[in-house]
């Protein structure tokens, strides 16, 4: 993984995490509740098909 790819990966992960928090708050979650993230289906599919050995 190049530095640019790692940067995009990290920015996307943070963006998804923040969005999940906003969705949880809109759904009525307590502000102090912990948001639990699951792995993306695309990373699981890539690993199971052998498309990327870098994951």
Foldseek 3Di string as FASTA:
>chain_A
DDPVVVVVVVVVVVVVLVVQLVVCVVVPDDNPDDDDDDDDPVVVVCVVVVVDPVD
